[in-house]
Amino acid sequence: MPGIDESLLEAMRLPGARGASVVDWISGLALGAVGDAPGGDAEATAAETAELARLATESGALALTGGPSGDVTGASPGGGPAGPDGPSGKEPPVQDLIITNADSYHLLRFVTTTFDSTVFVHLWLDRSEGNLALARIRLAELTDRLVLG
């Protein structure tokens, strides 16, 4: 099972990858980074993307939704999301965020862990060389295998 460094190097093998980092969205600190960072500053990028991640995870509008009645299927008694084995409160309500601009894609994929899920992987892709669909699939696989600690 790969750790942070191995996972980031794997992410950089994706077509069009310009940079990747593992960020704690509570503190805004980069736990690891490789490649380039938008604006040239990996720590500033980590802090800014952490703010986006925090807003997305705390937003009621982006939480799990249920059927036509609006009931949240699989919600824990406290109103949080349920994990695959029942209510866990460990899984963020958002799986990933995709931000596009004229020349690049930014993909933020949340990492589900057994202790607390406050970490995400940020992948920066060149828009002309990258494949957003492939990157999203591979990043999901990568974060499922990622070992923190």
Protein backbone atom coordinates (compact mmCIF):
# COMPACT_ATOMS: atom_id res chain seq x y z
CA MET A 1 0.00 0.00 0.00
CA PRO A 2 1.61 3.23 -1.11
CA GLY A 3 2.30 6.18 1.17
CA ILE A 4 2.11 9.86 0.34
CA ASP A 5 5.33 10.12 -1.71
CA GLU A 6 4.62 7.02 -3.78
CA SER A 7 1.04 8.13 -4.41
CA LEU A 8 2.11 11.58 -5.55
CA LEU A 9 4.67 10.12 -7.94
CA GLU A 10 1.96 7.81 -9.31
CA ALA A 11 -0.33 10.81 -9.84
CA MET A 12 2.43 12.60 -11.75
CA ARG A 13 2.55 9.74 -14.27
CA LEU A 14 -0.91 10.73 -15.51
CA PRO A 15 -0.91 12.46 -18.91
CA GLY A 16 -0.70 16.23 -18.51
CA ALA A 17 0.09 16.19 -14.78
CA ARG A 18 1.83 19.42 -13.75
CA GLY A 19 1.77 19.02 -9.99
CA ALA A 20 0.18 17.07 -7.16
CA SER A 21 -0.11 17.44 -3.42
CA VAL A 22 -1.71 15.85 -0.39
CA VAL A 23 -3.34 18.49 1.78
CA ASP A 24 -5.01 18.55 5.17
CA TRP A 25 -8.11 20.70 4.65
CA ILE A 26 -8.44 21.60 8.33
CA SER A 27 -4.97 23.12 8.72
CA GLY A 28 -4.32 24.00 5.08
CA LEU A 29 -0.90 22.37 5.21
CA ALA A 30 0.58 20.32 2.41
CA LEU A 31 1.57 16.88 3.73
CA GLY A 32 3.49 16.27 0.53
CA ALA A 33 3.93 17.88 -2.87
CA VAL A 34 5.58 17.05 -6.16
CA GLY A 35 5.95 18.87 -9.48
CA ASP A 36 4.94 22.47 -10.01
CA ALA A 37 2.37 24.48 -8.08
CA PRO A 38 0.03 27.07 -9.56
CA GLY A 39 1.64 30.43 -8.89
CA GLY A 40 4.89 28.69 -7.93
CA ASP A 41 4.11 28.36 -4.19
CA ALA A 42 3.03 24.90 -3.02
CA GLU A 43 2.15 26.06 0.51
CA ALA A 44 -0.04 28.94 -0.73
CA THR A 45 -1.76 26.58 -3.17
CA ALA A 46 -2.38 24.09 -0.35
CA ALA A 47 -3.92 26.77 1.86
CA GLU A 48 -6.15 28.09 -0.94
CA THR A 49 -7.36 24.68 -2.10
CA ALA A 50 -7.95 23.70 1.55
CA GLU A 51 -10.36 26.61 1.83
CA LEU A 52 -12.29 25.32 -1.20
CA ALA A 53 -12.34 21.82 0.26
CA ARG A 54 -13.54 23.11 3.62
CA LEU A 55 -16.36 25.07 1.99
CA ALA A 56 -17.45 22.06 -0.05
CA THR A 57 -17.43 19.64 2.87
CA GLU A 58 -19.33 22.00 5.17
CA SER A 59 -21.92 23.00 2.57
CA GLY A 60 -25.38 21.61 3.17
CA ALA A 61 -26.21 22.17 -0.50
CA LEU A 62 -23.51 19.68 -1.54
CA ALA A 63 -24.38 16.98 1.00
CA LEU A 64 -25.73 13.56 0.10
CA THR A 65 -29.26 13.73 -1.27
CA GLY A 66 -32.01 11.19 -1.18
CA GLY A 67 -34.96 10.39 -3.39
CA PRO A 68 -37.82 12.68 -4.43
CA SER A 69 -38.91 13.20 -0.83
CA GLY A 70 -35.49 14.61 0.05
CA ASP A 71 -34.73 11.92 2.64
CA VAL A 72 -31.03 11.25 2.87
CA THR A 73 -30.52 7.57 2.21
CA GLY A 74 -27.90 6.02 4.44
CA ALA A 75 -27.45 9.02 6.69
CA SER A 76 -26.12 8.49 10.15
CA PRO A 77 -28.33 9.37 13.12
CA GLY A 78 -26.36 12.60 13.57
CA GLY A 79 -27.17 13.65 10.01
CA GLY A 80 -23.70 12.90 8.60
CA PRO A 81 -22.97 10.63 5.68
CA ALA A 82 -22.92 6.88 6.06
CA GLY A 83 -20.01 4.72 5.05
CA PRO A 84 -20.30 1.48 3.07
CA ASP A 85 -20.71 -0.49 6.30
CA GLY A 86 -23.28 1.82 7.85
CA PRO A 87 -23.08 5.16 9.63
CA SER A 88 -19.48 6.13 10.15
CA GLY A 89 -19.21 9.91 10.10
CA LYS A 90 -15.73 9.35 8.63
CA GLU A 91 -16.54 9.86 4.98
CA PRO A 92 -16.70 13.41 3.59
CA PRO A 93 -20.01 14.33 1.92
CA VAL A 94 -18.15 15.27 -1.29
CA GLN A 95 -15.98 12.80 -3.23
CA ASP A 96 -14.13 15.26 -5.42
CA LEU A 97 -14.11 18.80 -6.77
CA ILE A 98 -13.25 19.69 -10.35
CA ILE A 99 -12.18 23.22 -11.19
CA THR A 100 -11.47 24.16 -14.77
CA ASN A 101 -9.90 27.23 -16.31
CA ALA A 102 -8.62 28.16 -19.76
CA ASP A 103 -5.41 26.14 -19.60
CA SER A 104 -5.75 23.59 -16.80
CA TYR A 105 -7.87 21.32 -14.62
CA HIS A 106 -7.67 21.08 -10.85
CA LEU A 107 -9.00 17.89 -9.33
CA LEU A 108 -9.39 17.62 -5.56
CA ARG A 109 -10.13 14.06 -4.42
CA PHE A 110 -11.02 13.48 -0.77
CA VAL A 111 -9.31 10.59 1.02
CA THR A 112 -11.50 8.44 3.26
CA THR A 113 -9.59 7.15 6.27
CA THR A 114 -10.48 5.15 9.37
CA PHE A 115 -9.61 7.95 11.81
CA ASP A 116 -10.76 11.21 10.21
CA SER A 117 -11.17 12.22 6.62
CA THR A 118 -9.58 15.65 6.53
CA VAL A 119 -7.15 14.99 3.70
CA PHE A 120 -7.45 15.39 -0.06
CA VAL A 121 -5.20 14.97 -3.08
CA HIS A 122 -4.91 17.96 -5.41
CA LEU A 123 -3.92 17.12 -8.97
CA TRP A 124 -3.10 19.94 -11.41
CA LEU A 125 -3.45 18.93 -15.07
CA ASP A 126 -2.55 20.73 -18.28
CA ARG A 127 -5.82 21.05 -20.16
CA SER A 128 -4.35 20.36 -23.62
CA GLU A 129 -2.49 17.20 -22.54
CA GLY A 130 -4.58 15.88 -19.66
CA ASN A 131 -7.57 13.58 -19.70
CA LEU A 132 -9.95 14.65 -16.95
CA ALA A 133 -12.02 11.44 -17.00
CA LEU A 134 -8.95 9.21 -16.78
CA ALA A 135 -7.43 11.39 -14.06
CA ARG A 136 -10.60 11.20 -11.99
CA ILE A 137 -10.72 7.40 -12.23
CA ARG A 138 -7.03 6.93 -11.45
CA LEU A 139 -7.13 9.44 -8.59
CA ALA A 140 -10.05 7.56 -7.03
CA GLU A 141 -8.06 4.32 -7.24
CA LEU A 142 -4.97 6.02 -5.85
CA THR A 143 -6.77 7.53 -2.86
CA ASP A 144 -8.41 4.19 -2.03
CA ARG A 145 -4.92 2.67 -1.67
CA LEU A 146 -3.23 5.64 0.01
CA VAL A 147 -1.80 4.93 3.44
CA LEU A 148 -1.38 7.92 5.73
CA GLY A 149 0.82 7.92 8.78
